[in-house]
Amino acid sequence: MAKKTTKKAETKKKASTKKVKKEAIDNSIDPKLLNLSKYPDLNDKRLAQIRFMIEDQKLDAMIVTYMPTVKYLTNFSGSNGALLVTPEELHFFTDDRYEESVKNDLYELPNMKVHITRYLWQYLVDAQLMTEIKNLGFESDRIPYSEAVDIRNVVRPVKFKPAPKEVEPFTMPKADMELEYIKAACEIAEKVYEKMKKKVKVGMTEIELQSELIYESRKLGSEGEPFNPIVLAGERTSMPHGRPSHRKIKKGDLILLDFGTKINGFGCDITRVFAIGKATKEQQKVYKILHEAKTKAVDNIRPGINGKILDEYARKYIADAGYGDNFKHSLGHGIGVAAHEMPIITFRKEENVPVGVVLAIEPGIYFEGDWGIRLEDNYHVTFDGVTNFTSAPEKLEVVK
C-alpha cells in the first residue's frame, strides 16, 4: 500500500506517515465501465520506460509536473500535483486541498509515498528527498524558463536538467481501460450531435446553441468539456478556431460544431457540419472532398508512419481537387486526457504514429469571410490499421 506523508508548509518538521486506502472507481461513471481494472497494466511499462530514460539520460530522477501526464501515471484528478520518479521509488505531491481526495484517486503504485505540501521544491529539500540525487530531470517544455531558474536556485546543489518531451511519448499508447473511457466519450458526443440537429432553430445565437450542446452533453453523462466547444454559423464557419458569438442563425447557414465530452478525465474531439434549410452545390462538393480526403489518410494509417507523410495523403487529395490553398492547418493530433496530445499530424514537422494511440483526424477547407467545412473523427491505431471510434456522415446533412 502507498504511504502518505504530510507536512505543514511553514515548518520543517519530519513528515508523518499513514496508509492510503484502496477505493473503487467512482460510482458516477457509466455502470458498464465499473468492471474495468482500476490499475492499467500498461502503467508498469510506462514507469519502466521512464526509468530506462533516466538511466539513458544519465539522470538520478525525473520529476513530472505536467498535469495530463501526472493523470496518466497516477490517476490523480486534481489541478495541482507532481510525481518524482527514482530508480526504486515514487513520490507523489499535492496540496492540502486534495488531502482527502487522493485516497480515492491514486493508483496503488508500488513503493509510492504521498506528500502533502504547498511548497513542492522547498519541501523536496527540507524533507531530504534528494540526498541521493545529483541530476534531476524536469519537463523543460512545460515549465517556463523564469520558473525553472527560480527552482534551480532552490534545489542547488542538485543539477536541474532539461528533459523536454522525454515522458509524454510513453503516454501516447492507451491502456485498455483508457480506451474504454475515450470510446464512451465518443458515444456521448455522437448522441449530442444528433440532438443538436433537432435543437437548432433559426434565430438562435451561436452562444445559445453552444449552451444547449454543453447541457445535452452533461445530461448524457459527460463530466465536462476537453476544450471550449466551437459553435459557428454562416460566414463565421470560415474561422477554424472561431469563438461563439451573438450572431443569429439564419436559413441557408452552415453550422459547424467542434466539441468533445469527457469520461473519467478522458475526452474525445469531433467536428460536424450541417446546413440549415439548404446547402449549395459547392458546399456539398467540398464536404464530399473532405470526407474522401479524410478516408484517404485514415486508410493509410499504420503504426510507425510519419505524421508528415500521413498529412500529405489528405493534403494532396484536397490540392488535386483544387482547394489546396484553403487547407492551412494540420491534419490531426493525439487525444486522451488532454484535447491535443502527441503526436501532431502535420506537414510542418515529423512525428511518428505509435501503435495504441488515439488520433483526431480533421481536414478542413475554408473560404475567408464566406464559409468553411471541417470534418473530424477519432481513431484508435492498431497493428492492423485503425478502429473507428466515430464516423462523420458521408454527405452534408440538411436540417429543415
Protein backbone atom coordinates (compact mmCIF):
# COMPACT_ATOMS: atom_id res chain seq x y z
CA MET A 1 0.00 0.00 0.00
CA ALA A 2 1.14 3.55 -0.69
CA LYS A 3 2.35 5.54 2.29
CA LYS A 4 1.16 9.08 2.91
CA THR A 5 3.44 11.75 4.33
CA THR A 6 2.04 15.11 5.48
CA LYS A 7 3.93 18.28 6.40
CA LYS A 8 2.97 21.85 7.29
CA ALA A 9 4.49 24.27 4.77
CA GLU A 10 5.60 26.73 7.42
CA THR A 11 7.72 24.25 9.35
CA LYS A 12 10.49 21.77 8.71
CA LYS A 13 9.08 19.05 10.94
CA LYS A 14 9.59 15.46 9.98
CA ALA A 15 6.72 14.15 7.84
CA SER A 16 4.28 11.71 9.40
CA THR A 17 3.02 8.68 7.51
CA LYS A 18 -0.17 6.69 7.18
CA LYS A 19 -1.62 4.35 4.61
CA VAL A 20 -3.76 5.35 1.64
CA LYS A 21 -6.80 3.13 1.33
CA LYS A 22 -7.72 1.48 -1.94
CA GLU A 23 -11.04 2.74 -3.27
CA ALA A 24 -13.36 1.58 -6.07
CA ILE A 25 -13.91 3.56 -9.25
CA ASP A 26 -16.30 6.47 -8.73
CA ASN A 27 -19.93 5.33 -8.88
CA SER A 28 -20.89 8.26 -11.09
CA ILE A 29 -19.13 6.62 -14.05
CA ASP A 30 -21.25 4.72 -16.57
CA PRO A 31 -22.05 1.32 -14.96
CA LYS A 32 -20.62 -0.57 -17.92
CA LEU A 33 -17.22 0.89 -17.07
CA LEU A 34 -17.26 -0.09 -13.40
CA ASN A 35 -15.89 -3.58 -14.05
CA LEU A 36 -12.66 -2.24 -15.50
CA SER A 37 -9.47 -2.85 -13.56
CA LYS A 38 -8.51 0.20 -11.51
CA TYR A 39 -4.83 -0.05 -12.35
CA PRO A 40 -3.82 -0.44 -16.03
CA ASP A 41 -1.01 -2.92 -16.65
CA LEU A 42 0.35 -0.53 -19.28
CA ASN A 43 1.34 1.82 -16.46
CA ASP A 44 4.04 -0.62 -15.35
CA LYS A 45 5.54 -0.31 -18.82
CA ARG A 46 5.29 3.49 -18.72
CA LEU A 47 7.17 3.64 -15.43
CA ALA A 48 9.77 1.17 -16.71
CA GLN A 49 10.26 3.36 -19.80
CA ILE A 50 10.71 6.46 -17.63
CA ARG A 51 13.28 4.67 -15.52
CA PHE A 52 15.12 3.48 -18.61
CA MET A 53 15.10 7.10 -19.87
CA ILE A 54 16.50 8.27 -16.50
CA GLU A 55 19.42 5.89 -16.91
CA ASP A 56 19.89 6.68 -20.59
CA GLN A 57 19.95 10.44 -19.96
CA LYS A 58 22.34 10.00 -17.02
CA LEU A 59 19.81 11.36 -14.55
CA ASP A 60 19.18 10.22 -11.00
CA ALA A 61 15.47 11.02 -11.02
CA MET A 62 12.74 12.67 -13.12
CA ILE A 63 10.02 14.97 -11.80
CA VAL A 64 6.75 15.13 -13.74
CA THR A 65 4.63 18.26 -13.26
CA TYR A 66 2.52 18.39 -16.47
CA MET A 67 -0.92 17.51 -15.13
CA PRO A 68 -2.17 15.31 -18.01
CA THR A 69 0.94 13.15 -17.66
CA VAL A 70 0.53 13.06 -13.87
CA LYS A 71 -3.04 11.85 -14.51
CA TYR A 72 -1.85 9.05 -16.79
CA LEU A 73 0.73 7.83 -14.30
CA THR A 74 -1.21 8.20 -11.03
CA ASN A 75 -4.92 8.69 -11.91
CA PHE A 76 -4.89 11.94 -9.89
CA SER A 77 -7.78 14.17 -10.98
CA GLY A 78 -6.88 17.42 -9.20
CA SER A 79 -5.29 20.57 -10.57
CA ASN A 80 -2.02 20.52 -8.63
CA GLY A 81 0.25 17.53 -8.44
CA ALA A 82 3.70 16.19 -9.24
CA LEU A 83 5.42 12.82 -9.40
CA LEU A 84 9.07 12.22 -8.58
CA VAL A 85 10.33 9.03 -10.23
CA THR A 86 13.56 7.47 -8.97
CA PRO A 87 15.02 4.08 -9.95
CA GLU A 88 13.41 2.48 -6.88
CA GLU A 89 10.70 4.79 -5.55
CA LEU A 90 7.82 7.07 -6.47
CA HIS A 91 6.90 10.23 -4.57
CA PHE A 92 3.58 11.94 -5.29
CA PHE A 93 2.99 15.55 -4.21
CA THR A 94 -0.17 17.62 -3.94
CA ASP A 95 -1.52 20.30 -1.61
CA ASP A 96 -3.91 20.11 1.32
CA ARG A 97 -6.98 20.81 -0.85
CA TYR A 98 -6.64 17.24 -2.12
CA GLU A 99 -5.53 15.54 1.10
CA GLU A 100 -8.77 13.56 1.28
CA SER A 101 -9.45 13.01 -2.43
CA VAL A 102 -6.06 11.37 -3.08
CA LYS A 103 -7.30 8.44 -1.01
CA ASN A 104 -9.84 7.77 -3.77
CA ASP A 105 -7.92 8.96 -6.81
CA LEU A 106 -4.48 7.42 -6.77
CA TYR A 107 -3.46 4.15 -8.31
CA GLU A 108 -1.96 1.71 -5.83
CA LEU A 109 1.54 2.16 -7.18
CA PRO A 110 4.44 0.14 -5.77
CA ASN A 111 6.88 1.93 -3.47
CA MET A 112 4.98 5.22 -3.66
CA LYS A 113 4.74 7.75 -0.85
CA VAL A 114 2.21 10.59 -0.91
CA HIS A 115 3.28 14.04 0.34
CA ILE A 116 1.01 16.97 1.16
CA THR A 117 2.64 20.38 0.72
CA ARG A 118 2.04 23.73 -0.94
CA TYR A 119 5.75 24.32 -1.48
CA LEU A 120 6.95 21.46 -3.65
CA TRP A 121 10.54 22.47 -4.36
CA GLN A 122 11.42 23.63 -0.86
CA TYR A 123 9.74 20.52 0.50
CA LEU A 124 12.00 18.30 -1.63
CA VAL A 125 14.96 19.94 0.07
CA ASP A 126 13.56 20.11 3.61
CA ALA A 127 12.31 16.50 3.61
CA GLN A 128 15.72 15.37 2.34
CA LEU A 129 14.18 13.55 -0.61
CA MET A 130 17.08 14.47 -2.88
CA THR A 131 20.04 13.36 -0.79
CA GLU A 132 20.82 10.65 -3.37
CA ILE A 133 20.01 12.85 -6.39
CA LYS A 134 22.70 14.81 -8.22
CA ASN A 135 20.92 15.25 -11.58
CA LEU A 136 17.16 15.87 -11.56
CA GLY A 137 15.36 15.88 -14.93
CA PHE A 138 12.37 18.15 -15.49
CA GLU A 139 9.89 18.83 -18.32
CA SER A 140 11.56 21.94 -19.68
CA ASP A 141 8.93 22.26 -22.43
CA ARG A 142 6.24 22.52 -19.74
CA ILE A 143 7.93 24.75 -17.11
CA PRO A 144 8.58 28.41 -18.08
CA TYR A 145 12.25 29.41 -18.16
CA SER A 146 11.90 32.02 -15.41
CA GLU A 147 10.23 29.46 -13.13
CA ALA A 148 12.94 26.90 -13.91
CA VAL A 149 15.62 29.42 -12.89
CA ASP A 150 13.88 30.00 -9.54
CA ILE A 151 13.53 26.26 -8.96
CA ARG A 152 17.20 25.67 -9.77
CA ASN A 153 18.17 28.17 -7.07
CA VAL A 154 16.05 26.30 -4.51
CA VAL A 155 17.27 22.78 -5.26
CA ARG A 156 21.01 23.53 -5.51
CA PRO A 157 23.46 21.81 -5.42
CA VAL A 158 21.22 19.32 -7.29
CA LYS A 159 21.51 19.97 -11.02
CA PHE A 160 18.12 20.79 -12.58
CA LYS A 161 18.48 19.29 -16.07
CA PRO A 162 16.09 19.92 -19.01
CA ALA A 163 14.39 16.79 -20.36
CA PRO A 164 11.85 18.06 -22.90
CA LYS A 165 9.33 15.58 -24.34
CA GLU A 166 11.04 12.67 -22.63
CA VAL A 167 7.98 11.41 -20.73
CA GLU A 168 4.88 12.31 -22.78
CA PRO A 169 5.67 9.86 -25.62
CA PHE A 170 5.21 6.99 -23.14
CA THR A 171 1.58 8.03 -22.60
CA MET A 172 0.66 8.07 -26.30
CA PRO A 173 -0.36 4.38 -26.38
CA LYS A 174 -3.53 3.97 -24.35
CA ALA A 175 -4.36 1.22 -21.85
CA ASP A 176 -7.50 -0.85 -22.40
CA MET A 177 -9.43 0.91 -19.66
CA GLU A 178 -8.37 4.32 -21.04
CA LEU A 179 -9.67 3.30 -24.47
CA GLU A 180 -13.00 2.37 -22.91
CA TYR A 181 -13.30 5.83 -21.38
CA ILE A 182 -12.46 7.51 -24.70
CA LYS A 183 -14.94 5.30 -26.56
CA ALA A 184 -17.65 6.15 -24.03
CA ALA A 185 -16.92 9.85 -24.53
CA CYS A 186 -17.16 9.37 -28.31
CA GLU A 187 -20.53 7.65 -27.97
CA ILE A 188 -21.86 10.58 -25.96
CA ALA A 189 -20.52 13.12 -28.47
CA GLU A 190 -22.23 11.43 -31.41
CA LYS A 191 -25.53 11.39 -29.50
CA VAL A 192 -25.08 15.08 -28.70
CA TYR A 193 -24.63 15.86 -32.39
CA GLU A 194 -27.92 14.14 -33.22
CA LYS A 195 -29.65 16.19 -30.55
CA MET A 196 -28.16 19.44 -31.85
CA LYS A 197 -29.70 18.89 -35.28
CA LYS A 198 -33.08 18.86 -33.53
CA LYS A 199 -32.32 21.68 -31.12
CA VAL A 200 -31.05 24.23 -33.63
CA LYS A 201 -33.55 26.91 -34.65
CA VAL A 202 -33.42 29.92 -36.94
CA GLY A 203 -32.96 32.98 -34.72
CA MET A 204 -30.85 31.21 -32.07
CA THR A 205 -27.41 32.66 -31.44
CA GLU A 206 -24.19 30.66 -31.64
CA ILE A 207 -23.78 31.06 -27.88
CA GLU A 208 -27.29 29.75 -27.24
CA LEU A 209 -26.60 26.68 -29.37
CA GLN A 210 -23.29 26.18 -27.58
CA SER A 211 -25.14 26.26 -24.24
CA GLU A 212 -27.58 23.62 -25.48
CA LEU A 213 -24.66 21.47 -26.61
CA ILE A 214 -22.98 21.64 -23.20
CA TYR A 215 -26.29 20.99 -21.41
CA GLU A 216 -27.08 17.92 -23.50
CA SER A 217 -23.53 16.62 -23.05
CA ARG A 218 -23.86 16.77 -19.28
CA LYS A 219 -27.32 15.16 -19.35
CA LEU A 220 -25.87 12.25 -21.30
CA GLY A 221 -23.09 11.70 -18.76
CA SER A 222 -20.15 13.88 -19.78
CA GLU A 223 -18.23 15.19 -16.77
CA GLY A 224 -17.01 18.26 -18.66
CA GLU A 225 -15.54 19.63 -21.86
CA PRO A 226 -11.98 18.86 -23.03
CA PHE A 227 -11.99 22.36 -24.56
CA ASN A 228 -14.43 25.22 -25.03
CA PRO A 229 -16.86 23.99 -27.73
CA ILE A 230 -16.67 25.82 -31.05
CA VAL A 231 -20.14 26.64 -32.43
CA LEU A 232 -20.18 28.80 -35.57
CA ALA A 233 -22.76 29.75 -38.18
CA GLY A 234 -22.73 31.10 -41.74
CA GLU A 235 -19.70 33.16 -42.75
CA ARG A 236 -18.13 32.59 -39.33
CA THR A 237 -17.52 28.91 -40.18
CA SER A 238 -14.55 30.12 -42.24
CA MET A 239 -12.63 30.64 -38.96
CA PRO A 240 -11.04 27.30 -37.96
CA HIS A 241 -10.97 28.23 -34.25
CA GLY A 242 -13.58 30.96 -34.05
CA ARG A 243 -15.33 31.70 -30.77
CA PRO A 244 -19.14 31.50 -30.49
CA SER A 245 -20.80 34.90 -30.70
CA HIS A 246 -24.23 36.53 -30.52
CA ARG A 247 -24.58 36.13 -34.29
CA LYS A 248 -28.05 34.72 -35.02
CA ILE A 249 -28.55 31.60 -37.10
CA LYS A 250 -30.28 32.13 -40.43
CA LYS A 251 -31.80 29.88 -43.07
CA GLY A 252 -29.12 28.78 -45.51
CA ASP A 253 -26.36 28.89 -42.89
CA LEU A 254 -23.79 26.19 -42.42
CA ILE A 255 -23.41 25.21 -38.76
CA LEU A 256 -20.01 24.00 -37.51
CA LEU A 257 -19.74 22.16 -34.18
CA ASP A 258 -16.27 21.28 -32.87
CA PHE A 259 -16.56 19.76 -29.40
CA GLY A 260 -15.78 16.89 -27.09
CA THR A 261 -17.03 15.13 -23.98
CA LYS A 262 -15.18 13.53 -21.05
CA ILE A 263 -15.41 10.34 -19.02
CA ASN A 264 -13.09 9.86 -16.01
CA GLY A 265 -10.80 12.58 -17.33
CA PHE A 266 -10.50 11.12 -20.86
CA GLY A 267 -12.02 13.01 -23.76
CA CYS A 268 -12.84 12.95 -27.44
CA ASP A 269 -12.73 15.62 -30.15
CA ILE A 270 -15.10 15.64 -33.14
CA THR A 271 -16.26 18.22 -35.68
CA ARG A 272 -19.58 18.11 -37.52
CA VAL A 273 -21.07 20.44 -40.13
CA PHE A 274 -24.65 20.62 -41.36
CA ALA A 275 -26.78 23.13 -43.25
CA ILE A 276 -29.97 24.93 -42.20
CA GLY A 277 -32.70 24.71 -44.82
CA LYS A 278 -30.46 24.27 -47.86
CA ALA A 279 -26.87 23.76 -48.99
CA THR A 280 -25.19 24.95 -52.18
CA LYS A 281 -23.74 22.54 -54.72
CA GLU A 282 -20.22 23.75 -53.92
CA GLN A 283 -20.76 23.16 -50.20
CA GLN A 284 -21.92 19.62 -50.94
CA LYS A 285 -18.90 19.13 -53.25
CA VAL A 286 -16.41 20.40 -50.67
CA TYR A 287 -17.93 18.23 -47.96
CA LYS A 288 -17.56 15.17 -50.20
CA ILE A 289 -13.91 16.07 -50.96
CA LEU A 290 -13.12 16.41 -47.25
CA HIS A 291 -14.78 13.11 -46.42
CA GLU A 292 -12.78 11.37 -49.15
CA ALA A 293 -9.54 13.12 -48.12
CA LYS A 294 -10.05 12.02 -44.52
CA THR A 295 -10.76 8.47 -45.67
CA LYS A 296 -7.62 8.51 -47.85
CA ALA A 297 -5.47 9.44 -44.86
CA VAL A 298 -7.15 7.04 -42.45
CA ASP A 299 -6.78 4.14 -44.89
CA ASN A 300 -3.02 4.70 -44.79
CA ILE A 301 -2.57 4.87 -41.01
CA ARG A 302 -0.14 2.22 -39.80
CA PRO A 303 1.96 2.03 -36.62
CA GLY A 304 5.20 3.88 -37.20
CA ILE A 305 4.01 6.01 -40.14
CA ASN A 306 5.46 9.50 -40.16
CA GLY A 307 2.85 12.16 -39.42
CA LYS A 308 4.15 14.35 -42.21
CA ILE A 309 3.54 11.58 -44.73
CA LEU A 310 0.08 10.91 -43.30
CA ASP A 311 -0.79 14.61 -43.55
CA GLU A 312 0.30 14.56 -47.20
CA TYR A 313 -2.25 11.87 -48.15
CA ALA A 314 -5.13 14.19 -47.27
CA ARG A 315 -3.40 17.44 -48.29
CA LYS A 316 -2.54 16.17 -51.78
CA TYR A 317 -6.09 14.91 -52.33
CA ILE A 318 -7.50 18.31 -51.39
CA ALA A 319 -4.92 20.13 -53.54
CA ASP A 320 -5.66 17.89 -56.56
CA ALA A 321 -9.32 18.81 -56.15
CA GLY A 322 -8.37 22.48 -56.48
CA TYR A 323 -8.60 23.56 -52.83
CA GLY A 324 -5.00 23.26 -51.65
CA ASP A 325 -4.78 26.93 -50.64
CA ASN A 326 -7.90 26.55 -48.49
CA PHE A 327 -6.49 23.89 -46.14
CA LYS A 328 -3.93 25.59 -43.94
CA HIS A 329 -3.93 23.83 -40.56
CA SER A 330 -2.57 20.44 -39.52
CA LEU A 331 -4.37 17.20 -40.29
CA GLY A 332 -4.70 15.99 -36.72
CA HIS A 333 -3.33 15.14 -33.29
CA GLY A 334 -3.46 12.66 -30.46
CA ILE A 335 -6.24 12.79 -27.86
CA GLY A 336 -6.75 11.40 -24.36
CA VAL A 337 -6.50 13.26 -21.07
CA ALA A 338 -5.60 16.42 -22.99
CA ALA A 339 -7.55 17.64 -26.01
CA HIS A 340 -4.31 17.92 -28.02
CA GLU A 341 -1.61 15.36 -27.37
CA MET A 342 1.36 13.90 -29.19
CA PRO A 343 1.75 13.03 -31.98
CA ILE A 344 0.89 16.09 -34.06
CA ILE A 345 -0.05 15.06 -37.60
CA THR A 346 1.20 17.96 -39.69
CA PHE A 347 3.16 18.95 -42.77
CA ARG A 348 5.26 21.24 -40.56
CA LYS A 349 7.23 18.56 -38.66
CA GLU A 350 7.85 14.85 -38.37
CA GLU A 351 6.40 12.76 -35.53
CA ASN A 352 5.83 9.03 -35.87
CA VAL A 353 2.47 7.47 -35.04
CA PRO A 354 2.81 4.67 -32.43
CA VAL A 355 0.51 1.68 -32.08
CA GLY A 356 -2.15 2.21 -29.41
CA VAL A 357 -2.54 5.96 -29.82
CA VAL A 358 -5.95 7.58 -30.41
CA LEU A 359 -5.93 10.20 -33.17
CA ALA A 360 -8.28 13.03 -34.13
CA ILE A 361 -8.10 13.47 -37.92
CA GLU A 362 -9.59 16.80 -39.07
CA PRO A 363 -9.11 18.09 -42.63
CA GLY A 364 -10.82 21.40 -43.44
CA ILE A 365 -11.47 23.76 -46.33
CA TYR A 366 -12.21 27.44 -45.64
CA PHE A 367 -13.21 30.46 -47.71
CA GLU A 368 -12.38 33.60 -45.74
CA GLY A 369 -15.45 35.64 -44.84
CA ASP A 370 -17.80 33.24 -46.63
CA TRP A 371 -17.97 29.70 -45.18
CA GLY A 372 -15.89 26.70 -44.19
CA ILE A 373 -16.21 22.98 -43.56
CA ARG A 374 -14.15 20.71 -41.29
CA LEU A 375 -14.69 17.02 -40.55
CA GLU A 376 -13.11 15.40 -37.52
CA ASP A 377 -13.26 11.83 -36.29
CA ASN A 378 -11.39 9.76 -33.71
CA TYR A 379 -9.45 6.57 -34.47
CA HIS A 380 -7.55 4.02 -32.41
CA VAL A 381 -4.34 2.91 -34.15
CA THR A 382 -3.85 -0.87 -34.07
CA PHE A 383 -1.37 -3.24 -35.69
CA ASP A 384 -3.96 -3.85 -38.44
CA GLY A 385 -4.74 -0.20 -39.15
CA VAL A 386 -7.38 1.71 -37.19
CA THR A 387 -10.59 1.20 -35.28
CA ASN A 388 -13.17 3.92 -35.85
CA PHE A 389 -14.45 5.45 -32.63
CA THR A 390 -16.61 7.98 -34.51
CA SER A 391 -17.87 8.36 -38.08
CA ALA A 392 -18.99 11.61 -39.69
CA PRO A 393 -21.89 11.37 -42.20
CA GLU A 394 -20.72 10.74 -45.77
CA LYS A 395 -22.85 13.58 -47.15
CA LEU A 396 -23.56 17.10 -45.95
CA GLU A 397 -26.73 16.88 -43.88
CA VAL A 398 -29.50 19.48 -44.23
CA VAL A 399 -31.79 20.31 -41.32
CA LYS A 400 -35.16 21.73 -42.31
